[in-house]
Each structure stands twice: as structure tokens, then as C-alpha cells.
């Protein structure tokens, strides 16, 4: 059974940075797409960033230019570097791995 374990969330002041990590286990094949979504309180699930195994990336409009995504394919691990954080980035961040695997979520809170 596939398990995704996230780490790195927390509380940070506006303008600060955080790095999220997500390690996948229980997989014996290369994962095509790994990435991150988020859900703020009272809002819908929103794409943050995705990365394919061959390095292609896609970012949500609200984070492009501030967040970067990277992967270690040998370790089935994906990272999200979040810079210039804003209060509106406050949300639960979920790791995803194709096809349709999800982590438990990690809280990111940005204070103004």
C-alpha cells in the first residue's frame, strides 16, 4: 500500500520561507507525477505545484515565482520550497503522487 508522509509545515511570519518534504513508500515503480495541493479554511482544493519524473513542472498562478518544486526520484521524495510567504498561503498542504495517492496533510500558517 502506498504511503505518503509529509513534513516541514509550521508557523512562519509573512515574507519567510518553509520547505515541505514528502516521502513515498510502498511503491516499487517510478512515480510519474508528484506534487502538492492545498486547502485553505472554507475554500476548495487548489493546485500548488506538480513535477513529472522527467522534470517538467506546473505551478498554480498564486505561487508561481515564489515556490519551487524538486524531486529525488531514487528516493520517491518531492520537496516544495516556499519563499516570500504570504498570509493567504495559510492552508493544509497535501502531497500527491500519481495515480491518486494522497498524504495526510501538513499545516502551514503564515502570520501577518
PDB file of N, CA and C in Angstrom:
ATOM      1  N   UNK A   1       0.849  -1.185   0.000  1.00  0.00           N
ATOM      2  CA  UNK A   1       0.000   0.000   0.000  1.00  0.00           C
ATOM      3  C   UNK A   1       0.889   1.242   0.000  1.00  0.00           C
ATOM      4  N   UNK A   2       0.521   2.201  -0.841  1.00  0.00           N
ATOM      5  CA  UNK A   2       1.299   3.422  -0.966  1.00  0.00           C
ATOM      6  C   UNK A   2       1.059   4.325   0.243  1.00  0.00           C
ATOM      7  N   UNK A   3       2.129   4.841   0.786  1.00  0.00           N
ATOM      8  CA  UNK A   3       2.029   5.822   1.867  1.00  0.00           C
ATOM      9  C   UNK A   3       2.849   7.051   1.520  1.00  0.00           C
ATOM     10  N   UNK A   4       2.260   8.213   1.763  1.00  0.00           N
ATOM     11  CA  UNK A   4       2.946   9.487   1.560  1.00  0.00           C
ATOM     12  C   UNK A   4       3.043  10.169   2.910  1.00  0.00           C
ATOM     13  N   UNK A   5       4.258  10.493   3.309  1.00  0.00           N
ATOM     14  CA  UNK A   5       4.478  11.114   4.606  1.00  0.00           C
ATOM     15  C   UNK A   5       5.081  12.487   4.399  1.00  0.00           C
ATOM     16  N   UNK A   6       4.324  13.505   4.833  1.00  0.00           N
ATOM     17  CA  UNK A   6       4.752  14.891   4.670  1.00  0.00           C
ATOM     18  C   UNK A   6       5.431  15.388   5.940  1.00  0.00           C
ATOM     19  N   UNK A   7       6.313  16.347   5.758  1.00  0.00           N
ATOM     20  CA  UNK A   7       6.952  17.013   6.899  1.00  0.00           C
ATOM     21  C   UNK A   7       7.346  18.419   6.492  1.00  0.00           C
ATOM     22  N   UNK A   8       7.581  19.268   7.491  1.00  0.00           N
ATOM     23  CA  UNK A   8       8.102  20.607   7.221  1.00  0.00           C
ATOM     24  C   UNK A   8       7.123  21.744   7.400  1.00  0.00           C
ATOM     25  N   UNK A   9       5.872  21.450   7.681  1.00  0.00           N
ATOM     26  CA  UNK A   9       4.926  22.533   7.902  1.00  0.00           C
ATOM     27  C   UNK A   9       5.207  23.263   9.205  1.00  0.00           C
ATOM     28  N   UNK A  10       4.479  24.353   9.428  1.00  0.00           N
ATOM     29  CA  UNK A  10       4.649  25.094  10.656  1.00  0.00           C
ATOM     30  C   UNK A  10       4.149  26.509  10.538  1.00  0.00           C
ATOM     31  N   UNK A  11       4.604  27.341  11.479  1.00  0.00           N
ATOM     32  CA  UNK A  11       4.208  28.744  11.563  1.00  0.00           C
ATOM     33  C   UNK A  11       5.382  29.624  11.157  1.00  0.00           C
ATOM     34  N   UNK A  12       5.119  30.579  10.291  1.00  0.00           N
ATOM     35  CA  UNK A  12       6.170  31.482   9.827  1.00  0.00           C
ATOM     36  C   UNK A  12       5.582  32.862   9.630  1.00  0.00           C
ATOM     37  N   UNK A  13       6.406  33.886   9.771  1.00  0.00           N
ATOM     38  CA  UNK A  13       5.953  35.244   9.515  1.00  0.00           C
ATOM     39  C   UNK A  13       5.904  35.516   8.020  1.00  0.00           C
ATOM     40  N   UNK A  14       5.069  36.448   7.640  1.00  0.00           N
ATOM     41  CA  UNK A  14       4.989  36.852   6.235  1.00  0.00           C
ATOM     42  C   UNK A  14       6.373  37.265   5.738  1.00  0.00           C
ATOM     43  N   UNK A  15       6.674  36.823   4.531  1.00  0.00           N
ATOM     44  CA  UNK A  15       7.984  37.081   3.957  1.00  0.00           C
ATOM     45  C   UNK A  15       8.996  35.986   4.213  1.00  0.00           C
ATOM     46  N   UNK A  16       8.657  35.074   5.096  1.00  0.00           N
ATOM     47  CA  UNK A  16       9.557  33.989   5.441  1.00  0.00           C
ATOM     48  C   UNK A  16       9.481  32.827   4.467  1.00  0.00           C
ATOM     49  N   UNK A  17      10.192  31.761   4.819  1.00  0.00           N
ATOM     50  CA  UNK A  17      10.283  30.585   3.958  1.00  0.00           C
ATOM     51  C   UNK A  17      10.041  29.316   4.759  1.00  0.00           C
ATOM     52  N   UNK A  18       9.554  28.319   4.069  1.00  0.00           N
ATOM     53  CA  UNK A  18       9.405  26.970   4.610  1.00  0.00           C
ATOM     54  C   UNK A  18       9.708  25.982   3.498  1.00  0.00           C
ATOM     55  N   UNK A  19      10.135  24.793   3.886  1.00  0.00           N
ATOM     56  CA  UNK A  19      10.364  23.725   2.932  1.00  0.00           C
ATOM     57  C   UNK A  19       9.586  22.495   3.377  1.00  0.00           C
ATOM     58  N   UNK A  20       8.733  22.031   2.496  1.00  0.00           N
ATOM     59  CA  UNK A  20       7.967  20.818   2.754  1.00  0.00           C
ATOM     60  C   UNK A  20       8.636  19.639   2.051  1.00  0.00           C
ATOM     61  N   UNK A  21       8.535  18.480   2.683  1.00  0.00           N
ATOM     62  CA  UNK A  21       9.035  17.246   2.091  1.00  0.00           C
ATOM     63  C   UNK A  21       7.936  16.206   2.114  1.00  0.00           C
ATOM     64  N   UNK A  22       7.979  15.323   1.148  1.00  0.00           N
ATOM     65  CA  UNK A  22       7.015  14.227   1.091  1.00  0.00           C
ATOM     66  C   UNK A  22       7.735  12.993   0.567  1.00  0.00           C
ATOM     67  N   UNK A  23       7.739  11.961   1.386  1.00  0.00           N
ATOM     68  CA  UNK A  23       8.386  10.711   1.013  1.00  0.00           C
ATOM     69  C   UNK A  23       7.327   9.650   0.763  1.00  0.00           C
ATOM     70  N   UNK A  24       7.439   8.985  -0.375  1.00  0.00           N
ATOM     71  CA  UNK A  24       6.517   7.918  -0.738  1.00  0.00           C
ATOM     72  C   UNK A  24       7.150   6.565  -0.443  1.00  0.00           C
ATOM     73  N   UNK A  25       6.358   5.688   0.143  1.00  0.00           N
ATOM     74  CA  UNK A  25       6.823   4.328   0.396  1.00  0.00           C
ATOM     75  C   UNK A  25       5.765   3.343  -0.074  1.00  0.00           C
ATOM     76  N   UNK A  26       6.164   2.084  -0.161  1.00  0.00           N
ATOM     77  CA  UNK A  26       5.236   1.076  -0.623  1.00  0.00           C
ATOM     78  C   UNK A  26       5.064   1.071  -2.124  1.00  0.00           C
ATOM     79  N   UNK A  27       6.026   1.709  -2.817  1.00  0.00           N
ATOM     80  CA  UNK A  27       5.958   1.790  -4.274  1.00  0.00           C
ATOM     81  C   UNK A  27       7.200   1.134  -4.855  1.00  0.00           C
ATOM     82  N   UNK A  28       6.990   0.258  -5.829  1.00  0.00           N
ATOM     83  CA  UNK A  28       8.143  -0.380  -6.440  1.00  0.00           C
ATOM     84  C   UNK A  28       8.265  -0.040  -7.918  1.00  0.00           C
ATOM     85  N   UNK A  29       7.697   1.123  -8.260  1.00  0.00           N
ATOM     86  CA  UNK A  29       7.820   1.603  -9.623  1.00  0.00           C
ATOM     87  C   UNK A  29       8.046   3.105  -9.567  1.00  0.00           C
ATOM     88  N   UNK A  30       8.498   3.657 -10.660  1.00  0.00           N
ATOM     89  CA  UNK A  30       8.729   5.101 -10.709  1.00  0.00           C
ATOM     90  C   UNK A  30       7.388   5.834 -10.718  1.00  0.00           C
ATOM     91  N   UNK A  31       7.291   6.858  -9.919  1.00  0.00           N
ATOM     92  CA  UNK A  31       6.067   7.650  -9.868  1.00  0.00           C
ATOM     93  C   UNK A  31       6.127   8.714 -10.958  1.00  0.00           C
ATOM     94  N   UNK A  32       5.094   8.783 -11.768  1.00  0.00           N
ATOM     95  CA  UNK A  32       5.096   9.745 -12.864  1.00  0.00           C
ATOM     96  C   UNK A  32       5.014  11.182 -12.353  1.00  0.00           C
ATOM     97  N   UNK A  33       3.948  11.492 -11.638  1.00  0.00           N
ATOM     98  CA  UNK A  33       3.726  12.865 -11.194  1.00  0.00           C
ATOM     99  C   UNK A  33       3.649  12.909  -9.674  1.00  0.00           C
ATOM    100  N   UNK A  34       4.406  13.804  -9.091  1.00  0.00           N
ATOM    101  CA  UNK A  34       4.314  14.087  -7.654  1.00  0.00           C
ATOM    102  C   UNK A  34       4.151  15.579  -7.474  1.00  0.00           C
ATOM    103  N   UNK A  35       3.484  15.953  -6.412  1.00  0.00           N
ATOM    104  CA  UNK A  35       3.325  17.378  -6.202  1.00  0.00           C
ATOM    105  C   UNK A  35       2.533  17.719  -4.973  1.00  0.00           C
ATOM    106  N   UNK A  36       2.020  18.932  -4.988  1.00  0.00           N
ATOM    107  CA  UNK A  36       1.365  19.495  -3.820  1.00  0.00           C
ATOM    108  C   UNK A  36       0.085  20.233  -4.195  1.00  0.00           C
ATOM    109  N   UNK A  37      -0.899  20.044  -3.338  1.00  0.00           N
ATOM    110  CA  UNK A  37      -2.131  20.820  -3.383  1.00  0.00           C
ATOM    111  C   UNK A  37      -2.319  21.430  -1.996  1.00  0.00           C
ATOM    112  N   UNK A  38      -3.231  22.371  -1.910  1.00  0.00           N
ATOM    113  CA  UNK A  38      -3.532  22.946  -0.599  1.00  0.00           C
ATOM    114  C   UNK A  38      -5.012  23.272  -0.496  1.00  0.00           C
ATOM    115  N   UNK A  39      -5.486  23.304   0.746  1.00  0.00           N
ATOM    116  CA  UNK A  39      -6.853  23.708   1.013  1.00  0.00           C
ATOM    117  C   UNK A  39      -6.850  24.665   2.184  1.00  0.00           C
ATOM    118  N   UNK A  40      -7.243  25.889   1.904  1.00  0.00           N
ATOM    119  CA  UNK A  40      -7.409  26.877   2.963  1.00  0.00           C
ATOM    120  C   UNK A  40      -8.776  26.701   3.594  1.00  0.00           C
ATOM    121  N   UNK A  41      -8.933  27.177   4.811  1.00  0.00           N
ATOM    122  CA  UNK A  41     -10.185  27.022   5.541  1.00  0.00           C
ATOM    123  C   UNK A  41     -11.341  27.617   4.749  1.00  0.00           C
ATOM    124  N   UNK A  42     -12.339  26.807   4.485  1.00  0.00           N
ATOM    125  CA  UNK A  42     -13.515  27.278   3.777  1.00  0.00           C
ATOM    126  C   UNK A  42     -13.369  27.390   2.275  1.00  0.00           C
ATOM    127  N   UNK A  43     -12.238  26.938   1.734  1.00  0.00           N
ATOM    128  CA  UNK A  43     -12.010  27.058   0.299  1.00  0.00           C
ATOM    129  C   UNK A  43     -11.796  25.689  -0.332  1.00  0.00           C
ATOM    130  N   UNK A  44     -11.784  25.682  -1.657  1.00  0.00           N
ATOM    131  CA  UNK A  44     -11.617  24.435  -2.382  1.00  0.00           C
ATOM    132  C   UNK A  44     -10.150  24.048  -2.469  1.00  0.00           C
ATOM    133  N   UNK A  45      -9.925  22.790  -2.787  1.00  0.00           N
ATOM    134  CA  UNK A  45      -8.578  22.295  -3.007  1.00  0.00           C
ATOM    135  C   UNK A  45      -7.960  23.027  -4.187  1.00  0.00           C
ATOM    136  N   UNK A  46      -6.719  23.453  -4.012  1.00  0.00           N
ATOM    137  CA  UNK A  46      -6.049  24.271  -5.021  1.00  0.00           C
ATOM    138  C   UNK A  46      -4.711  23.648  -5.395  1.00  0.00           C
ATOM    139  N   UNK A  47      -4.409  23.620  -6.683  1.00  0.00           N
ATOM    140  CA  UNK A  47      -3.097  23.146  -7.127  1.00  0.00           C
ATOM    141  C   UNK A  47      -2.012  24.117  -6.676  1.00  0.00           C
ATOM    142  N   UNK A  48      -0.937  23.564  -6.132  1.00  0.00           N
ATOM    143  CA  UNK A  48       0.229  24.380  -5.791  1.00  0.00           C
ATOM    144  C   UNK A  48       1.337  24.140  -6.814  1.00  0.00           C
ATOM    145  N   UNK A  49       1.800  22.909  -6.924  1.00  0.00           N
ATOM    146  CA  UNK A  49       2.883  22.615  -7.857  1.00  0.00           C
ATOM    147  C   UNK A  49       2.929  21.123  -8.131  1.00  0.00           C
ATOM    148  N   UNK A  50       3.281  20.770  -9.365  1.00  0.00           N
ATOM    149  CA  UNK A  50       3.445  19.390  -9.768  1.00  0.00           C
ATOM    150  C   UNK A  50       4.764  19.241 -10.519  1.00  0.00           C
ATOM    151  N   UNK A  51       5.325  18.053 -10.445  1.00  0.00           N
ATOM    152  CA  UNK A  51       6.554  17.769 -11.180  1.00  0.00           C
ATOM    153  C   UNK A  51       6.516  16.337 -11.698  1.00  0.00           C
ATOM    154  N   UNK A  52       6.822  16.157 -12.965  1.00  0.00           N
ATOM    155  CA  UNK A  52       6.871  14.823 -13.536  1.00  0.00           C
ATOM    156  C   UNK A  52       8.239  14.197 -13.285  1.00  0.00           C
ATOM    157  N   UNK A  53       8.329  12.914 -13.544  1.00  0.00           N
ATOM    158  CA  UNK A  53       9.588  12.208 -13.304  1.00  0.00           C
ATOM    159  C   UNK A  53      10.695  12.679 -14.237  1.00  0.00           C
ATOM    160  N   UNK A  54      10.327  13.293 -15.362  1.00  0.00           N
ATOM    161  CA  UNK A  54      11.351  13.792 -16.280  1.00  0.00           C
ATOM    162  C   UNK A  54      11.605  15.289 -16.118  1.00  0.00           C
ATOM    163  N   UNK A  55      11.073  15.867 -15.027  1.00  0.00           N
ATOM    164  CA  UNK A  55      11.445  17.218 -14.669  1.00  0.00           C
ATOM    165  C   UNK A  55      10.526  18.341 -15.095  1.00  0.00           C
ATOM    166  N   UNK A  56       9.435  18.035 -15.760  1.00  0.00           N
ATOM    167  CA  UNK A  56       8.511  19.097 -16.131  1.00  0.00           C
ATOM    168  C   UNK A  56       7.729  19.554 -14.908  1.00  0.00           C
ATOM    169  N   UNK A  57       7.490  20.861 -14.835  1.00  0.00           N
ATOM    170  CA  UNK A  57       6.797  21.422 -13.673  1.00  0.00           C
ATOM    171  C   UNK A  57       5.571  22.228 -14.088  1.00  0.00           C
ATOM    172  N   UNK A  58       4.669  22.356 -13.145  1.00  0.00           N
ATOM    173  CA  UNK A  58       3.478  23.181 -13.345  1.00  0.00           C
ATOM    174  C   UNK A  58       3.119  23.787 -11.996  1.00  0.00           C
ATOM    175  N   UNK A  59       2.880  25.090 -11.989  1.00  0.00           N
ATOM    176  CA  UNK A  59       2.587  25.798 -10.752  1.00  0.00           C
ATOM    177  C   UNK A  59       1.224  26.473 -10.811  1.00  0.00           C
ATOM    178  N   UNK A  60       0.595  26.579  -9.650  1.00  0.00           N
ATOM    179  CA  UNK A  60      -0.599  27.386  -9.550  1.00  0.00           C
ATOM    180  C   UNK A  60      -0.247  28.859  -9.724  1.00  0.00           C
ATOM    181  N   UNK A  61      -1.173  29.620 -10.250  1.00  0.00           N
ATOM    182  CA  UNK A  61      -0.903  31.031 -10.544  1.00  0.00           C
ATOM    183  C   UNK A  61      -0.503  31.812  -9.293  1.00  0.00           C
ATOM    184  N   UNK A  62      -1.081  31.463  -8.173  1.00  0.00           N
ATOM    185  CA  UNK A  62      -0.856  32.257  -6.964  1.00  0.00           C
ATOM    186  C   UNK A  62       0.522  32.038  -6.342  1.00  0.00           C
ATOM    187  N   UNK A  63       1.232  31.000  -6.767  1.00  0.00           N
ATOM    188  CA  UNK A  63       2.528  30.701  -6.153  1.00  0.00           C
ATOM    189  C   UNK A  63       3.693  30.794  -7.135  1.00  0.00           C
ATOM    190  N   UNK A  64       3.394  30.890  -8.412  1.00  0.00           N
ATOM    191  CA  UNK A  64       4.471  30.901  -9.410  1.00  0.00           C
ATOM    192  C   UNK A  64       5.414  32.063  -9.153  1.00  0.00           C
ATOM    193  N   UNK A  65       6.713  31.756  -9.187  1.00  0.00           N
ATOM    194  CA  UNK A  65       7.725  32.773  -8.918  1.00  0.00           C
ATOM    195  C   UNK A  65       8.151  32.834  -7.466  1.00  0.00           C
ATOM    196  N   UNK A  66       7.363  32.248  -6.574  1.00  0.00           N
ATOM    197  CA  UNK A  66       7.708  32.247  -5.146  1.00  0.00           C
ATOM    198  C   UNK A  66       8.042  30.840  -4.640  1.00  0.00           C
ATOM    199  N   UNK A  67       7.394  29.846  -5.207  1.00  0.00           N
ATOM    200  CA  UNK A  67       7.589  28.455  -4.787  1.00  0.00           C
ATOM    201  C   UNK A  67       8.369  27.704  -5.860  1.00  0.00           C
ATOM    202  N   UNK A  68       9.183  26.759  -5.420  1.00  0.00           N
ATOM    203  CA  UNK A  68       9.842  25.848  -6.350  1.00  0.00           C
ATOM    204  C   UNK A  68       9.606  24.410  -5.891  1.00  0.00           C
ATOM    205  N   UNK A  69       9.620  23.506  -6.848  1.00  0.00           N
ATOM    206  CA  UNK A  69       9.402  22.096  -6.564  1.00  0.00           C
ATOM    207  C   UNK A  69      10.582  21.305  -7.097  1.00  0.00           C
ATOM    208  N   UNK A  70      10.964  20.283  -6.356  1.00  0.00           N
ATOM    209  CA  UNK A  70      12.057  19.417  -6.797  1.00  0.00           C
ATOM    210  C   UNK A  70      11.759  17.990  -6.359  1.00  0.00           C
ATOM    211  N   UNK A  71      12.472  17.058  -6.967  1.00  0.00           N
ATOM    212  CA  UNK A  71      12.255  15.639  -6.664  1.00  0.00           C
ATOM    213  C   UNK A  71      13.571  14.901  -6.575  1.00  0.00           C
ATOM    214  N   UNK A  72      13.541  13.858  -5.774  1.00  0.00           N
ATOM    215  CA  UNK A  72      14.609  12.864  -5.770  1.00  0.00           C
ATOM    216  C   UNK A  72      13.934  11.565  -6.180  1.00  0.00           C
ATOM    217  N   UNK A  73      14.055  11.220  -7.456  1.00  0.00           N
ATOM    218  CA  UNK A  73      13.328  10.055  -7.975  1.00  0.00           C
ATOM    219  C   UNK A  73      13.813   8.748  -7.341  1.00  0.00           C
ATOM    220  N   UNK A  74      15.091   8.686  -7.017  1.00  0.00           N
ATOM    221  CA  UNK A  74      15.614   7.467  -6.393  1.00  0.00           C
ATOM    222  C   UNK A  74      14.973   7.223  -5.034  1.00  0.00           C
ATOM    223  N   UNK A  75      14.616   8.307  -4.357  1.00  0.00           N
ATOM    224  CA  UNK A  75      14.012   8.200  -3.025  1.00  0.00           C
ATOM    225  C   UNK A  75      12.491   8.381  -3.057  1.00  0.00           C
ATOM    226  N   UNK A  76      11.926   8.581  -4.256  1.00  0.00           N
ATOM    227  CA  UNK A  76      10.482   8.846  -4.370  1.00  0.00           C
ATOM    228  C   UNK A  76      10.064   9.952  -3.395  1.00  0.00           C
ATOM    229  N   UNK A  77      10.829  11.010  -3.397  1.00  0.00           N
ATOM    230  CA  UNK A  77      10.582  12.128  -2.496  1.00  0.00           C
ATOM    231  C   UNK A  77      10.429  13.413  -3.307  1.00  0.00           C
ATOM    232  N   UNK A  78       9.484  14.228  -2.880  1.00  0.00           N
ATOM    233  CA  UNK A  78       9.258  15.513  -3.526  1.00  0.00           C
ATOM    234  C   UNK A  78       9.354  16.611  -2.470  1.00  0.00           C
ATOM    235  N   UNK A  79       9.896  17.746  -2.898  1.00  0.00           N
ATOM    236  CA  UNK A  79      10.101  18.870  -1.999  1.00  0.00           C
ATOM    237  C   UNK A  79       9.384  20.113  -2.537  1.00  0.00           C
ATOM    238  N   UNK A  80       8.935  20.946  -1.625  1.00  0.00           N
ATOM    239  CA  UNK A  80       8.341  22.220  -2.009  1.00  0.00           C
ATOM    240  C   UNK A  80       9.026  23.315  -1.207  1.00  0.00           C
ATOM    241  N   UNK A  81       9.783  24.146  -1.896  1.00  0.00           N
ATOM    242  CA  UNK A  81      10.426  25.289  -1.255  1.00  0.00           C
ATOM    243  C   UNK A  81       9.508  26.491  -1.417  1.00  0.00           C
ATOM    244  N   UNK A  82       9.097  27.047  -0.302  1.00  0.00           N
ATOM    245  CA  UNK A  82       8.151  28.153  -0.314  1.00  0.00           C
ATOM    246  C   UNK A  82       8.842  29.406   0.213  1.00  0.00           C
ATOM    247  N   UNK A  83       8.979  30.398  -0.645  1.00  0.00           N
ATOM    248  CA  UNK A  83       9.618  31.659  -0.292  1.00  0.00           C
ATOM    249  C   UNK A  83       8.614  32.799  -0.367  1.00  0.00           C
ATOM    250  N   UNK A  84       8.962  33.908   0.253  1.00  0.00           N
ATOM    251  CA  UNK A  84       8.109  35.102   0.232  1.00  0.00           C
ATOM    252  C   UNK A  84       6.670  34.750   0.608  1.00  0.00           C
ATOM    253  N   UNK A  85       6.546  34.006   1.676  1.00  0.00           N
ATOM    254  CA  UNK A  85       5.218  33.536   2.073  1.00  0.00           C
ATOM    255  C   UNK A  85       4.310  34.687   2.484  1.00  0.00           C
ATOM    256  N   UNK A  86       3.030  34.504   2.174  1.00  0.00           N
ATOM    257  CA  UNK A  86       2.007  35.498   2.458  1.00  0.00           C
ATOM    258  C   UNK A  86       0.945  34.879   3.368  1.00  0.00           C
ATOM    259  N   UNK A  87       0.219  35.695   4.106  1.00  0.00           N
ATOM    260  CA  UNK A  87      -0.858  35.136   4.947  1.00  0.00           C
ATOM    261  C   UNK A  87      -1.848  34.299   4.143  1.00  0.00           C
ATOM    262  N   UNK A  88      -2.073  34.668   2.890  1.00  0.00           N
ATOM    263  CA  UNK A  88      -3.020  33.898   2.070  1.00  0.00           C
ATOM    264  C   UNK A  88      -2.473  32.537   1.640  1.00  0.00           C
ATOM    265  N   UNK A  89      -1.221  32.250   1.952  1.00  0.00           N
ATOM    266  CA  UNK A  89      -0.680  30.912   1.715  1.00  0.00           C
ATOM    267  C   UNK A  89      -1.035  29.952   2.850  1.00  0.00           C
ATOM    268  N   UNK A  90      -1.638  30.466   3.901  1.00  0.00           N
ATOM    269  CA  UNK A  90      -2.048  29.620   5.015  1.00  0.00           C
ATOM    270  C   UNK A  90      -3.051  28.579   4.556  1.00  0.00           C
ATOM    271  N   UNK A  91      -2.736  27.313   4.821  1.00  0.00           N
ATOM    272  CA  UNK A  91      -3.579  26.209   4.354  1.00  0.00           C
ATOM    273  C   UNK A  91      -3.001  24.900   4.864  1.00  0.00           C
ATOM    274  N   UNK A  92      -3.770  23.844   4.668  1.00  0.00           N
ATOM    275  CA  UNK A  92      -3.232  22.492   4.821  1.00  0.00           C
ATOM    276  C   UNK A  92      -2.695  22.072   3.457  1.00  0.00           C
ATOM    277  N   UNK A  93      -1.451  21.663   3.443  1.00  0.00           N
ATOM    278  CA  UNK A  93      -0.783  21.271   2.202  1.00  0.00           C
ATOM    279  C   UNK A  93      -0.747  19.750   2.115  1.00  0.00           C
ATOM    280  N   UNK A  94      -1.200  19.238   0.970  1.00  0.00           N
ATOM    281  CA  UNK A  94      -1.281  17.806   0.749  1.00  0.00           C
ATOM    282  C   UNK A  94      -0.315  17.391  -0.347  1.00  0.00           C
ATOM    283  N   UNK A  95       0.427  16.351  -0.070  1.00  0.00           N
ATOM    284  CA  UNK A  95       1.278  15.740  -1.083  1.00  0.00           C
ATOM    285  C   UNK A  95       0.437  14.800  -1.931  1.00  0.00           C
ATOM    286  N   UNK A  96       0.752  14.754  -3.202  1.00  0.00           N
ATOM    287  CA  UNK A  96       0.055  13.827  -4.087  1.00  0.00           C
ATOM    288  C   UNK A  96       1.060  13.086  -4.945  1.00  0.00           C
ATOM    289  N   UNK A  97       0.694  11.853  -5.292  1.00  0.00           N
ATOM    290  CA  UNK A  97       1.526  11.041  -6.173  1.00  0.00           C
ATOM    291  C   UNK A  97       0.611  10.225  -7.059  1.00  0.00           C
ATOM    292  N   UNK A  98       0.887  10.280  -8.355  1.00  0.00           N
ATOM    293  CA  UNK A  98       0.029   9.538  -9.262  1.00  0.00           C
ATOM    294  C   UNK A  98       0.193   8.047  -9.068  1.00  0.00           C
ATOM    295  N   UNK A  99      -0.891   7.255  -9.297  1.00  0.00           N
ATOM    296  CA  UNK A  99      -2.239   7.731  -9.604  1.00  0.00           C
ATOM    297  C   UNK A  99      -3.110   7.835  -8.351  1.00  0.00           C
ATOM    298  N   UNK A 100      -3.460   9.056  -7.968  1.00  0.00           N
ATOM    299  CA  UNK A 100      -4.470   9.283  -6.945  1.00  0.00           C
ATOM    300  C   UNK A 100      -4.065   8.813  -5.543  1.00  0.00           C
ATOM    301  N   UNK A 101      -2.838   9.094  -5.146  1.00  0.00           N
ATOM    302  CA  UNK A 101      -2.385   8.833  -3.785  1.00  0.00           C
ATOM    303  C   UNK A 101      -2.172  10.164  -3.074  1.00  0.00           C
ATOM    304  N   UNK A 102      -2.563  10.209  -1.788  1.00  0.00           N
ATOM    305  CA  UNK A 102      -2.529  11.466  -1.051  1.00  0.00           C
ATOM    306  C   UNK A 102      -1.917  11.278   0.336  1.00  0.00           C
ATOM    307  N   UNK A 103      -1.212  12.309   0.781  1.00  0.00           N
ATOM    308  CA  UNK A 103      -0.718  12.333   2.133  1.00  0.00           C
ATOM    309  C   UNK A 103      -1.789  12.820   3.096  1.00  0.00           C
ATOM    310  N   UNK A 104      -1.442  12.848   4.371  1.00  0.00           N
ATOM    311  CA  UNK A 104      -2.412  13.226   5.399  1.00  0.00           C
ATOM    312  C   UNK A 104      -2.526  14.735   5.551  1.00  0.00           C
ATOM    313  N   UNK A 105      -1.587  15.457   4.994  1.00  0.00           N
ATOM    314  CA  UNK A 105      -1.627  16.912   5.048  1.00  0.00           C
ATOM    315  C   UNK A 105      -0.752  17.480   6.149  1.00  0.00           C
ATOM    316  N   UNK A 106      -0.201  18.647   5.891  1.00  0.00           N
ATOM    317  CA  UNK A 106       0.600  19.346   6.891  1.00  0.00           C
ATOM    318  C   UNK A 106       0.190  20.816   6.900  1.00  0.00           C
ATOM    319  N   UNK A 107       0.019  21.365   8.070  1.00  0.00           N
ATOM    320  CA  UNK A 107      -0.471  22.734   8.208  1.00  0.00           C
ATOM    321  C   UNK A 107       0.658  23.734   8.005  1.00  0.00           C
ATOM    322  N   UNK A 108       0.376  24.723   7.189  1.00  0.00           N
ATOM    323  CA  UNK A 108       1.276  25.864   7.017  1.00  0.00           C
ATOM    324  C   UNK A 108       0.494  27.116   7.411  1.00  0.00           C
ATOM    325  N   UNK A 109       1.025  27.857   8.351  1.00  0.00           N
ATOM    326  CA  UNK A 109       0.377  29.078   8.813  1.00  0.00           C
ATOM    327  C   UNK A 109       1.337  30.246   8.666  1.00  0.00           C
ATOM    328  N   UNK A 110       0.889  31.281   7.971  1.00  0.00           N
ATOM    329  CA  UNK A 110       1.714  32.459   7.739  1.00  0.00           C
ATOM    330  C   UNK A 110       1.067  33.631   8.461  1.00  0.00           C
ATOM    331  N   UNK A 111       1.757  34.181   9.415  1.00  0.00           N
ATOM    332  CA  UNK A 111       1.214  35.299  10.182  1.00  0.00           C
ATOM    333  C   UNK A 111       1.609  36.625   9.540  1.00  0.00           C
ATOM    334  N   UNK A 112       0.715  37.602   9.706  1.00  0.00           N
ATOM    335  CA  UNK A 112       0.973  38.910   9.095  1.00  0.00           C
ATOM    336  C   UNK A 112       1.785  39.798  10.023  1.00  0.00           C
TER     337      UNK A 112
END
